[in-house]
Amino acid sequence: IGRQMLGKLPEPTEEKVVELDASGLIDISRYDAKGKLH
């Protein structure tokens, strides 16, 4: 998230630190008050 705010993309590297989705988005799946999964 910090790199995105700095306007930078993760550098190509074999380090595990940049193996995440470059969007920075991690899924959240939870139910609403009516029992629907979002």
PDB file of all heavy atoms in Angstrom:
ATOM      1  N   ILE A   1       0.837  -1.198   0.000  1.00  0.00           N
ATOM      2  CA  ILE A   1       0.000   0.000   0.000  1.00  0.00           C
ATOM      3  C   ILE A   1       0.875   1.253   0.000  1.00  0.00           C
ATOM      4  O   ILE A   1       0.599   2.237  -0.688  1.00  0.00           O
ATOM      5  CB  ILE A   1      -0.954  -0.009   1.215  1.00  0.00           C
ATOM      6  CG1 ILE A   1      -1.985  -1.129   1.052  1.00  0.00           C
ATOM      7  CG2 ILE A   1      -1.659   1.336   1.362  1.00  0.00           C
ATOM      8  CD1 ILE A   1      -2.845  -1.340   2.273  1.00  0.00           C
ATOM      9  N   GLY A   2       1.955   1.218   0.782  1.00  0.00           N
ATOM     10  CA  GLY A   2       2.886   2.344   0.799  1.00  0.00           C
ATOM     11  C   GLY A   2       3.501   2.594  -0.563  1.00  0.00           C
ATOM     12  O   GLY A   2       3.644   3.740  -1.000  1.00  0.00           O
ATOM     13  N   ARG A   3       3.873   1.532  -1.257  1.00  0.00           N
ATOM     14  CA  ARG A   3       4.464   1.696  -2.588  1.00  0.00           C
ATOM     15  C   ARG A   3       3.462   2.296  -3.571  1.00  0.00           C
ATOM     16  O   ARG A   3       3.831   3.092  -4.436  1.00  0.00           O
ATOM     17  CB  ARG A   3       4.983   0.352  -3.102  1.00  0.00           C
ATOM     18  CG  ARG A   3       6.200  -0.129  -2.345  1.00  0.00           C
ATOM     19  CD  ARG A   3       6.949  -1.199  -3.085  1.00  0.00           C
ATOM     20  NE  ARG A   3       7.593  -0.699  -4.295  1.00  0.00           N
ATOM     21  CZ  ARG A   3       8.710   0.021  -4.325  1.00  0.00           C
ATOM     22  NH1 ARG A   3       9.295   0.367  -3.181  1.00  0.00           N
ATOM     23  NH2 ARG A   3       9.237   0.409  -5.462  1.00  0.00           N
ATOM     24  N   GLN A   4       2.219   1.887  -3.445  1.00  0.00           N
ATOM     25  CA  GLN A   4       1.207   2.477  -4.314  1.00  0.00           C
ATOM     26  C   GLN A   4       1.059   3.969  -4.054  1.00  0.00           C
ATOM     27  O   GLN A   4       0.901   4.767  -4.972  1.00  0.00           O
ATOM     28  CB  GLN A   4      -0.126   1.770  -4.115  1.00  0.00           C
ATOM     29  CG  GLN A   4      -0.153   0.365  -4.704  1.00  0.00           C
ATOM     30  CD  GLN A   4      -1.513  -0.277  -4.590  1.00  0.00           C
ATOM     31  OE1 GLN A   4      -2.305   0.077  -3.729  1.00  0.00           O
ATOM     32  NE2 GLN A   4      -1.789  -1.228  -5.463  1.00  0.00           N
ATOM     33  N   MET A   5       1.105   4.347  -2.792  1.00  0.00           N
ATOM     34  CA  MET A   5       0.995   5.761  -2.453  1.00  0.00           C
ATOM     35  C   MET A   5       2.208   6.547  -2.935  1.00  0.00           C
ATOM     36  O   MET A   5       2.119   7.748  -3.201  1.00  0.00           O
ATOM     37  CB  MET A   5       0.820   5.922  -0.940  1.00  0.00           C
ATOM     38  CG  MET A   5      -0.511   5.413  -0.431  1.00  0.00           C
ATOM     39  SD  MET A   5      -0.699   5.638   1.353  1.00  0.00           S
ATOM     40  CE  MET A   5      -2.374   5.020   1.581  1.00  0.00           C
ATOM     41  N   LEU A   6       3.332   5.867  -3.037  1.00  0.00           N
ATOM     42  CA  LEU A   6       4.539   6.509  -3.559  1.00  0.00           C
ATOM     43  C   LEU A   6       4.564   6.506  -5.085  1.00  0.00           C
ATOM     44  O   LEU A   6       5.489   7.039  -5.701  1.00  0.00           O
ATOM     45  CB  LEU A   6       5.785   5.785  -3.033  1.00  0.00           C
ATOM     46  CG  LEU A   6       6.097   5.974  -1.538  1.00  0.00           C
ATOM     47  CD1 LEU A   6       7.141   4.951  -1.082  1.00  0.00           C
ATOM     48  CD2 LEU A   6       6.584   7.383  -1.271  1.00  0.00           C
ATOM     49  N   GLY A   7       3.572   5.863  -5.697  1.00  0.00           N
ATOM     50  CA  GLY A   7       3.494   5.817  -7.151  1.00  0.00           C
ATOM     51  C   GLY A   7       4.471   4.846  -7.765  1.00  0.00           C
ATOM     52  O   GLY A   7       4.905   5.019  -8.900  1.00  0.00           O
ATOM     53  N   LYS A   8       4.824   3.797  -7.003  1.00  0.00           N
ATOM     54  CA  LYS A   8       5.800   2.832  -7.493  1.00  0.00           C
ATOM     55  C   LYS A   8       5.167   1.447  -7.561  1.00  0.00           C
ATOM     56  O   LYS A   8       4.291   1.108  -6.782  1.00  0.00           O
ATOM     57  CB  LYS A   8       7.018   2.776  -6.567  1.00  0.00           C
ATOM     58  CG  LYS A   8       7.774   4.095  -6.458  1.00  0.00           C
ATOM     59  CD  LYS A   8       8.938   3.951  -5.505  1.00  0.00           C
ATOM     60  CE  LYS A   8       9.720   5.260  -5.390  1.00  0.00           C
ATOM     61  NZ  LYS A   8      10.866   5.138  -4.461  1.00  0.00           N
ATOM     62  N   LEU A   9       5.651   0.644  -8.488  1.00  0.00           N
ATOM     63  CA  LEU A   9       5.264  -0.756  -8.584  1.00  0.00           C
ATOM     64  C   LEU A   9       6.346  -1.599  -7.938  1.00  0.00           C
ATOM     65  O   LEU A   9       7.510  -1.204  -7.894  1.00  0.00           O
ATOM     66  CB  LEU A   9       5.085  -1.172 -10.052  1.00  0.00           C
ATOM     67  CG  LEU A   9       3.956  -0.474 -10.810  1.00  0.00           C
ATOM     68  CD1 LEU A   9       3.978  -0.905 -12.266  1.00  0.00           C
ATOM     69  CD2 LEU A   9       2.609  -0.794 -10.180  1.00  0.00           C
ATOM     70  N   PRO A  10       5.988  -2.772  -7.431  1.00  0.00           N
ATOM     71  CA  PRO A  10       7.019  -3.645  -6.859  1.00  0.00           C
ATOM     72  C   PRO A  10       8.072  -4.004  -7.891  1.00  0.00           C
ATOM     73  O   PRO A  10       7.758  -4.285  -9.040  1.00  0.00           O
ATOM     74  CB  PRO A  10       6.217  -4.892  -6.432  1.00  0.00           C
ATOM     75  CG  PRO A  10       4.817  -4.405  -6.296  1.00  0.00           C
ATOM     76  CD  PRO A  10       4.657  -3.333  -7.320  1.00  0.00           C
ATOM     77  N   GLU A  11       9.336  -3.978  -7.485  1.00  0.00           N
ATOM     78  CA  GLU A  11      10.416  -4.295  -8.404  1.00  0.00           C
ATOM     79  C   GLU A  11      10.439  -5.791  -8.699  1.00  0.00           C
ATOM     80  O   GLU A  11      10.109  -6.604  -7.841  1.00  0.00           O
ATOM     81  CB  GLU A  11      11.779  -3.895  -7.796  1.00  0.00           C
ATOM     82  CG  GLU A  11      11.886  -2.438  -7.408  1.00  0.00           C
ATOM     83  CD  GLU A  11      11.462  -2.192  -5.975  1.00  0.00           C
ATOM     84  OE1 GLU A  11      10.734  -3.037  -5.418  1.00  0.00           O
ATOM     85  OE2 GLU A  11      11.853  -1.163  -5.423  1.00  0.00           O
ATOM     86  N   PRO A  12      10.843  -6.190  -9.917  1.00  0.00           N
ATOM     87  CA  PRO A  12      11.008  -7.617 -10.202  1.00  0.00           C
ATOM     88  C   PRO A  12      12.080  -8.202  -9.294  1.00  0.00           C
ATOM     89  O   PRO A  12      13.187  -7.698  -9.227  1.00  0.00           O
ATOM     90  CB  PRO A  12      11.453  -7.649 -11.665  1.00  0.00           C
ATOM     91  CG  PRO A  12      10.997  -6.327 -12.225  1.00  0.00           C
ATOM     92  CD  PRO A  12      11.112  -5.354 -11.095  1.00  0.00           C
ATOM     93  N   THR A  13      11.752  -9.246  -8.581  1.00  0.00           N
ATOM     94  CA  THR A  13      12.675  -9.852  -7.638  1.00  0.00           C
ATOM     95  C   THR A  13      12.183 -11.229  -7.265  1.00  0.00           C
ATOM     96  O   THR A  13      11.005 -11.533  -7.423  1.00  0.00           O
ATOM     97  CB  THR A  13      12.828  -9.002  -6.353  1.00  0.00           C
ATOM     98  OG1 THR A  13      13.658  -9.707  -5.438  1.00  0.00           O
ATOM     99  CG2 THR A  13      11.501  -8.719  -5.709  1.00  0.00           C
ATOM    100  N   GLU A  14      13.068 -12.034  -6.773  1.00  0.00           N
ATOM    101  CA  GLU A  14      12.669 -13.357  -6.328  1.00  0.00           C
ATOM    102  C   GLU A  14      12.285 -13.358  -4.864  1.00  0.00           C
ATOM    103  O   GLU A  14      11.903 -14.386  -4.311  1.00  0.00           O
ATOM    104  CB  GLU A  14      13.814 -14.342  -6.566  1.00  0.00           C
ATOM    105  CG  GLU A  14      14.153 -14.537  -8.044  1.00  0.00           C
ATOM    106  CD  GLU A  14      15.279 -15.521  -8.247  1.00  0.00           C
ATOM    107  OE1 GLU A  14      15.832 -15.984  -7.230  1.00  0.00           O
ATOM    108  OE2 GLU A  14      15.600 -15.821  -9.403  1.00  0.00           O
ATOM    109  N   GLU A  15      12.375 -12.221  -4.219  1.00  0.00           N
ATOM    110  CA  GLU A  15      12.063 -12.174  -2.806  1.00  0.00           C
ATOM    111  C   GLU A  15      10.566 -12.410  -2.584  1.00  0.00           C
ATOM    112  O   GLU A  15       9.722 -11.928  -3.321  1.00  0.00           O
ATOM    113  CB  GLU A  15      12.447 -10.810  -2.223  1.00  0.00           C
ATOM    114  CG  GLU A  15      13.943 -10.584  -2.183  1.00  0.00           C
ATOM    115  CD  GLU A  15      14.285  -9.234  -1.588  1.00  0.00           C
ATOM    116  OE1 GLU A  15      13.402  -8.372  -1.564  1.00  0.00           O
ATOM    117  OE2 GLU A  15      15.418  -9.070  -1.139  1.00  0.00           O
ATOM    118  N   LYS A  16      10.239 -13.140  -1.519  1.00  0.00           N
ATOM    119  CA  LYS A  16       8.849 -13.466  -1.230  1.00  0.00           C
ATOM    120  C   LYS A  16       8.024 -12.236  -0.904  1.00  0.00           C
ATOM    121  O   LYS A  16       6.810 -12.249  -1.029  1.00  0.00           O
ATOM    122  CB  LYS A  16       8.780 -14.449  -0.059  1.00  0.00           C
ATOM    123  CG  LYS A  16       9.390 -15.808  -0.368  1.00  0.00           C
ATOM    124  CD  LYS A  16       9.293 -16.714   0.835  1.00  0.00           C
ATOM    125  CE  LYS A  16       9.911 -18.063   0.568  1.00  0.00           C
ATOM    126  NZ  LYS A  16       9.840 -18.969   1.742  1.00  0.00           N
ATOM    127  N   VAL A  17       8.679 -11.180  -0.489  1.00  0.00           N
ATOM    128  CA  VAL A  17       7.944 -10.007  -0.069  1.00  0.00           C
ATOM    129  C   VAL A  17       7.096  -9.418  -1.183  1.00  0.00           C
ATOM    130  O   VAL A  17       6.139  -8.710  -0.930  1.00  0.00           O
ATOM    131  CB  VAL A  17       8.897  -8.933   0.502  1.00  0.00           C
ATOM    132  CG1 VAL A  17       9.703  -8.282  -0.596  1.00  0.00           C
ATOM    133  CG2 VAL A  17       8.124  -7.870   1.280  1.00  0.00           C
ATOM    134  N   VAL A  18       7.390  -9.695  -2.439  1.00  0.00           N
ATOM    135  CA  VAL A  18       6.609  -9.131  -3.526  1.00  0.00           C
ATOM    136  C   VAL A  18       5.835 -10.199  -4.292  1.00  0.00           C
ATOM    137  O   VAL A  18       5.508 -10.035  -5.446  1.00  0.00           O
ATOM    138  CB  VAL A  18       7.496  -8.333  -4.507  1.00  0.00           C
ATOM    139  CG1 VAL A  18       8.058  -7.129  -3.811  1.00  0.00           C
ATOM    140  CG2 VAL A  18       8.611  -9.195  -5.088  1.00  0.00           C
ATOM    141  N   GLU A  19       5.521 -11.299  -3.641  1.00  0.00           N
ATOM    142  CA  GLU A  19       4.731 -12.320  -4.302  1.00  0.00           C
ATOM    143  C   GLU A  19       3.235 -12.111  -4.141  1.00  0.00           C
ATOM    144  O   GLU A  19       2.437 -12.875  -4.651  1.00  0.00           O
ATOM    145  CB  GLU A  19       5.119 -13.707  -3.772  1.00  0.00           C
ATOM    146  CG  GLU A  19       6.503 -14.137  -4.244  1.00  0.00           C
ATOM    147  CD  GLU A  19       6.866 -15.506  -3.760  1.00  0.00           C
ATOM    148  OE1 GLU A  19       6.081 -16.117  -3.009  1.00  0.00           O
ATOM    149  OE2 GLU A  19       7.946 -15.990  -4.133  1.00  0.00           O
ATOM    150  N   LEU A  20       2.833 -11.090  -3.429  1.00  0.00           N
ATOM    151  CA  LEU A  20       1.416 -10.779  -3.294  1.00  0.00           C
ATOM    152  C   LEU A  20       0.879 -10.167  -4.581  1.00  0.00           C
ATOM    153  O   LEU A  20       1.615  -9.672  -5.421  1.00  0.00           O
ATOM    154  CB  LEU A  20       1.187  -9.773  -2.152  1.00  0.00           C
ATOM    155  CG  LEU A  20       1.424 -10.260  -0.733  1.00  0.00           C
ATOM    156  CD1 LEU A  20       1.188  -9.119   0.220  1.00  0.00           C
ATOM    157  CD2 LEU A  20       0.525 -11.432  -0.397  1.00  0.00           C
ATOM    158  N   ASP A  21      -0.443 -10.176  -4.718  1.00  0.00           N
ATOM    159  CA  ASP A  21      -1.101  -9.489  -5.819  1.00  0.00           C
ATOM    160  C   ASP A  21      -0.701  -8.020  -5.773  1.00  0.00           C
ATOM    161  O   ASP A  21      -0.843  -7.352  -4.755  1.00  0.00           O
ATOM    162  CB  ASP A  21      -2.624  -9.630  -5.639  1.00  0.00           C
ATOM    163  CG  ASP A  21      -3.418  -8.942  -6.724  1.00  0.00           C
ATOM    164  OD1 ASP A  21      -2.801  -8.257  -7.566  1.00  0.00           O
ATOM    165  OD2 ASP A  21      -4.640  -9.088  -6.710  1.00  0.00           O
ATOM    166  N   ALA A  22      -0.199  -7.497  -6.875  1.00  0.00           N
ATOM    167  CA  ALA A  22       0.299  -6.122  -6.905  1.00  0.00           C
ATOM    168  C   ALA A  22      -0.784  -5.096  -6.646  1.00  0.00           C
ATOM    169  O   ALA A  22      -0.492  -3.942  -6.368  1.00  0.00           O
ATOM    170  CB  ALA A  22       0.957  -5.834  -8.261  1.00  0.00           C
ATOM    171  N   SER A  23      -2.046  -5.489  -6.747  1.00  0.00           N
ATOM    172  CA  SER A  23      -3.120  -4.543  -6.443  1.00  0.00           C
ATOM    173  C   SER A  23      -3.159  -4.209  -4.963  1.00  0.00           C
ATOM    174  O   SER A  23      -3.710  -3.191  -4.563  1.00  0.00           O
ATOM    175  CB  SER A  23      -4.475  -5.130  -6.855  1.00  0.00           C
ATOM    176  OG  SER A  23      -4.845  -6.180  -5.968  1.00  0.00           O
ATOM    177  N   GLY A  24      -2.568  -5.073  -4.144  1.00  0.00           N
ATOM    178  CA  GLY A  24      -2.624  -4.864  -2.706  1.00  0.00           C
ATOM    179  C   GLY A  24      -3.933  -5.318  -2.097  1.00  0.00           C
ATOM    180  O   GLY A  24      -4.139  -5.211  -0.899  1.00  0.00           O
ATOM    181  N   LEU A  25      -4.849  -5.845  -2.927  1.00  0.00           N
ATOM    182  CA  LEU A  25      -6.176  -6.222  -2.456  1.00  0.00           C
ATOM    183  C   LEU A  25      -6.173  -7.663  -1.963  1.00  0.00           C
ATOM    184  O   LEU A  25      -5.777  -8.583  -2.670  1.00  0.00           O
ATOM    185  CB  LEU A  25      -7.194  -6.060  -3.587  1.00  0.00           C
ATOM    186  CG  LEU A  25      -8.658  -6.245  -3.204  1.00  0.00           C
ATOM    187  CD1 LEU A  25      -9.112  -5.112  -2.293  1.00  0.00           C
ATOM    188  CD2 LEU A  25      -9.525  -6.310  -4.447  1.00  0.00           C
ATOM    189  N   ILE A  26      -6.602  -7.852  -0.737  1.00  0.00           N
ATOM    190  CA  ILE A  26      -6.775  -9.178  -0.165  1.00  0.00           C
ATOM    191  C   ILE A  26      -8.265  -9.391   0.045  1.00  0.00           C
ATOM    192  O   ILE A  26      -8.961  -8.523   0.584  1.00  0.00           O
ATOM    193  CB  ILE A  26      -6.014  -9.324   1.161  1.00  0.00           C
ATOM    194  CG1 ILE A  26      -4.505  -9.238   0.900  1.00  0.00           C
ATOM    195  CG2 ILE A  26      -6.353 -10.618   1.860  1.00  0.00           C
ATOM    196  CD1 ILE A  26      -3.671  -9.251   2.153  1.00  0.00           C
ATOM    197  N   ASP A  27      -8.774 -10.530  -0.398  1.00  0.00           N
ATOM    198  CA  ASP A  27     -10.213 -10.758  -0.365  1.00  0.00           C
ATOM    199  C   ASP A  27     -10.744 -10.818   1.062  1.00  0.00           C
ATOM    200  O   ASP A  27     -10.075 -11.300   1.982  1.00  0.00           O
ATOM    201  CB  ASP A  27     -10.565 -12.043  -1.104  1.00  0.00           C
ATOM    202  CG  ASP A  27     -12.074 -12.203  -1.293  1.00  0.00           C
ATOM    203  OD1 ASP A  27     -12.767 -11.162  -1.375  1.00  0.00           O
ATOM    204  OD2 ASP A  27     -12.546 -13.342  -1.367  1.00  0.00           O
ATOM    205  N   ILE A  28     -11.957 -10.305   1.227  1.00  0.00           N
ATOM    206  CA  ILE A  28     -12.726 -10.441   2.457  1.00  0.00           C
ATOM    207  C   ILE A  28     -14.063 -11.039   2.057  1.00  0.00           C
ATOM    208  O   ILE A  28     -14.748 -10.501   1.180  1.00  0.00           O
ATOM    209  CB  ILE A  28     -12.952  -9.085   3.155  1.00  0.00           C
ATOM    210  CG1 ILE A  28     -11.621  -8.426   3.514  1.00  0.00           C
ATOM    211  CG2 ILE A  28     -13.817  -9.263   4.404  1.00  0.00           C
ATOM    212  CD1 ILE A  28     -11.773  -7.012   4.046  1.00  0.00           C
ATOM    213  N   SER A  29     -14.441 -12.150   2.656  1.00  0.00           N
ATOM    214  CA  SER A  29     -15.739 -12.773   2.394  1.00  0.00           C
ATOM    215  C   SER A  29     -16.474 -12.935   3.718  1.00  0.00           C
ATOM    216  O   SER A  29     -16.031 -13.690   4.591  1.00  0.00           O
ATOM    217  CB  SER A  29     -15.573 -14.135   1.712  1.00  0.00           C
ATOM    218  OG  SER A  29     -15.075 -13.988   0.404  1.00  0.00           O
ATOM    219  N   ARG A  30     -17.562 -12.200   3.864  1.00  0.00           N
ATOM    220  CA  ARG A  30     -18.354 -12.241   5.089  1.00  0.00           C
ATOM    221  C   ARG A  30     -19.838 -12.171   4.724  1.00  0.00           C
ATOM    222  O   ARG A  30     -20.212 -11.779   3.623  1.00  0.00           O
ATOM    223  CB  ARG A  30     -18.006 -11.068   6.024  1.00  0.00           C
ATOM    224  CG  ARG A  30     -16.590 -11.078   6.573  1.00  0.00           C
ATOM    225  CD  ARG A  30     -16.387 -12.156   7.624  1.00  0.00           C
ATOM    226  NE  ARG A  30     -15.092 -12.016   8.284  1.00  0.00           N
ATOM    227  CZ  ARG A  30     -13.959 -12.514   7.835  1.00  0.00           C
ATOM    228  NH1 ARG A  30     -13.946 -13.170   6.674  1.00  0.00           N
ATOM    229  NH2 ARG A  30     -12.834 -12.359   8.499  1.00  0.00           N
ATOM    230  N   TYR A  31     -20.692 -12.524   5.681  1.00  0.00           N
ATOM    231  CA  TYR A  31     -22.136 -12.535   5.469  1.00  0.00           C
ATOM    232  C   TYR A  31     -22.780 -11.239   5.955  1.00  0.00           C
ATOM    233  O   TYR A  31     -22.363 -10.653   6.969  1.00  0.00           O
ATOM    234  CB  TYR A  31     -22.764 -13.716   6.203  1.00  0.00           C
ATOM    235  CG  TYR A  31     -22.409 -15.051   5.595  1.00  0.00           C
ATOM    236  CD1 TYR A  31     -21.298 -15.763   6.046  1.00  0.00           C
ATOM    237  CD2 TYR A  31     -23.178 -15.592   4.564  1.00  0.00           C
ATOM    238  CE1 TYR A  31     -20.967 -16.991   5.487  1.00  0.00           C
ATOM    239  CE2 TYR A  31     -22.853 -16.820   3.995  1.00  0.00           C
ATOM    240  CZ  TYR A  31     -21.747 -17.512   4.460  1.00  0.00           C
ATOM    241  OH  TYR A  31     -21.418 -18.721   3.901  1.00  0.00           O
ATOM    242  N   ASP A  32     -23.817 -10.797   5.215  1.00  0.00           N
ATOM    243  CA  ASP A  32     -24.575  -9.629   5.660  1.00  0.00           C
ATOM    244  C   ASP A  32     -25.684 -10.068   6.612  1.00  0.00           C
ATOM    245  O   ASP A  32     -25.802 -11.248   6.958  1.00  0.00           O
ATOM    246  CB  ASP A  32     -25.121  -8.844   4.466  1.00  0.00           C
ATOM    247  CG  ASP A  32     -26.151  -9.618   3.647  1.00  0.00           C
ATOM    248  OD1 ASP A  32     -26.699 -10.627   4.150  1.00  0.00           O
ATOM    249  OD2 ASP A  32     -26.423  -9.202   2.499  1.00  0.00           O
ATOM    250  N   ALA A  33     -26.515  -9.117   7.046  1.00  0.00           N
ATOM    251  CA  ALA A  33     -27.541  -9.392   8.051  1.00  0.00           C
ATOM    252  C   ALA A  33     -28.619 -10.340   7.547  1.00  0.00           C
ATOM    253  O   ALA A  33     -29.358 -10.929   8.346  1.00  0.00           O
ATOM    254  CB  ALA A  33     -28.171  -8.075   8.516  1.00  0.00           C
ATOM    255  N   LYS A  34     -28.722 -10.507   6.212  1.00  0.00           N
ATOM    256  CA  LYS A  34     -29.723 -11.399   5.629  1.00  0.00           C
ATOM    257  C   LYS A  34     -29.137 -12.761   5.255  1.00  0.00           C
ATOM    258  O   LYS A  34     -29.809 -13.582   4.621  1.00  0.00           O
ATOM    259  CB  LYS A  34     -30.353 -10.745   4.407  1.00  0.00           C
ATOM    260  CG  LYS A  34     -31.130  -9.472   4.742  1.00  0.00           C
ATOM    261  CD  LYS A  34     -31.753  -8.866   3.488  1.00  0.00           C
ATOM    262  CE  LYS A  34     -32.537  -7.602   3.830  1.00  0.00           C
ATOM    263  NZ  LYS A  34     -33.143  -6.995   2.614  1.00  0.00           N
ATOM    264  N   GLY A  35     -27.875 -12.993   5.604  1.00  0.00           N
ATOM    265  CA  GLY A  35     -27.257 -14.271   5.338  1.00  0.00           C
ATOM    266  C   GLY A  35     -26.639 -14.417   3.966  1.00  0.00           C
ATOM    267  O   GLY A  35     -26.269 -15.518   3.555  1.00  0.00           O
ATOM    268  N   LYS A  36     -26.486 -13.310   3.232  1.00  0.00           N
ATOM    269  CA  LYS A  36     -25.882 -13.357   1.907  1.00  0.00           C
ATOM    270  C   LYS A  36     -24.371 -13.139   2.026  1.00  0.00           C
ATOM    271  O   LYS A  36     -23.911 -12.231   2.705  1.00  0.00           O
ATOM    272  CB  LYS A  36     -26.483 -12.286   0.995  1.00  0.00           C
ATOM    273  CG  LYS A  36     -25.900 -12.294  -0.421  1.00  0.00           C
ATOM    274  CD  LYS A  36     -26.533 -11.220  -1.290  1.00  0.00           C
ATOM    275  CE  LYS A  36     -25.923 -11.224  -2.690  1.00  0.00           C
ATOM    276  NZ  LYS A  36     -26.522 -10.168  -3.560  1.00  0.00           N
ATOM    277  N   LEU A  37     -23.593 -13.980   1.331  1.00  0.00           N
ATOM    278  CA  LEU A  37     -22.136 -13.871   1.366  1.00  0.00           C
ATOM    279  C   LEU A  37     -21.671 -12.814   0.365  1.00  0.00           C
ATOM    280  O   LEU A  37     -22.085 -12.819  -0.799  1.00  0.00           O
ATOM    281  CB  LEU A  37     -21.507 -15.216   1.019  1.00  0.00           C
ATOM    282  CG  LEU A  37     -19.980 -15.303   1.084  1.00  0.00           C
ATOM    283  CD1 LEU A  37     -19.482 -15.102   2.507  1.00  0.00           C
ATOM    284  CD2 LEU A  37     -19.489 -16.641   0.527  1.00  0.00           C
ATOM    285  N   HIS A  38     -20.794 -11.918   0.808  1.00  0.00           N
ATOM    286  CA  HIS A  38     -20.263 -10.860  -0.046  1.00  0.00           C
ATOM    287  C   HIS A  38     -18.746 -10.977  -0.112  1.00  0.00           C
ATOM    288  O   HIS A  38     -18.068 -11.001   0.926  1.00  0.00           O
ATOM    289  CB  HIS A  38     -20.637  -9.473   0.488  1.00  0.00           C
ATOM    290  CG  HIS A  38     -22.096  -9.176   0.412  1.00  0.00           C
ATOM    291  ND1 HIS A  38     -22.700  -8.606  -0.695  1.00  0.00           N
ATOM    292  CD2 HIS A  38     -23.092  -9.380   1.334  1.00  0.00           C
ATOM    293  CE1 HIS A  38     -23.988  -8.454  -0.473  1.00  0.00           C
ATOM    294  NE2 HIS A  38     -24.254  -8.921   0.753  1.00  0.00           N
TER     295      HIS A  38
END
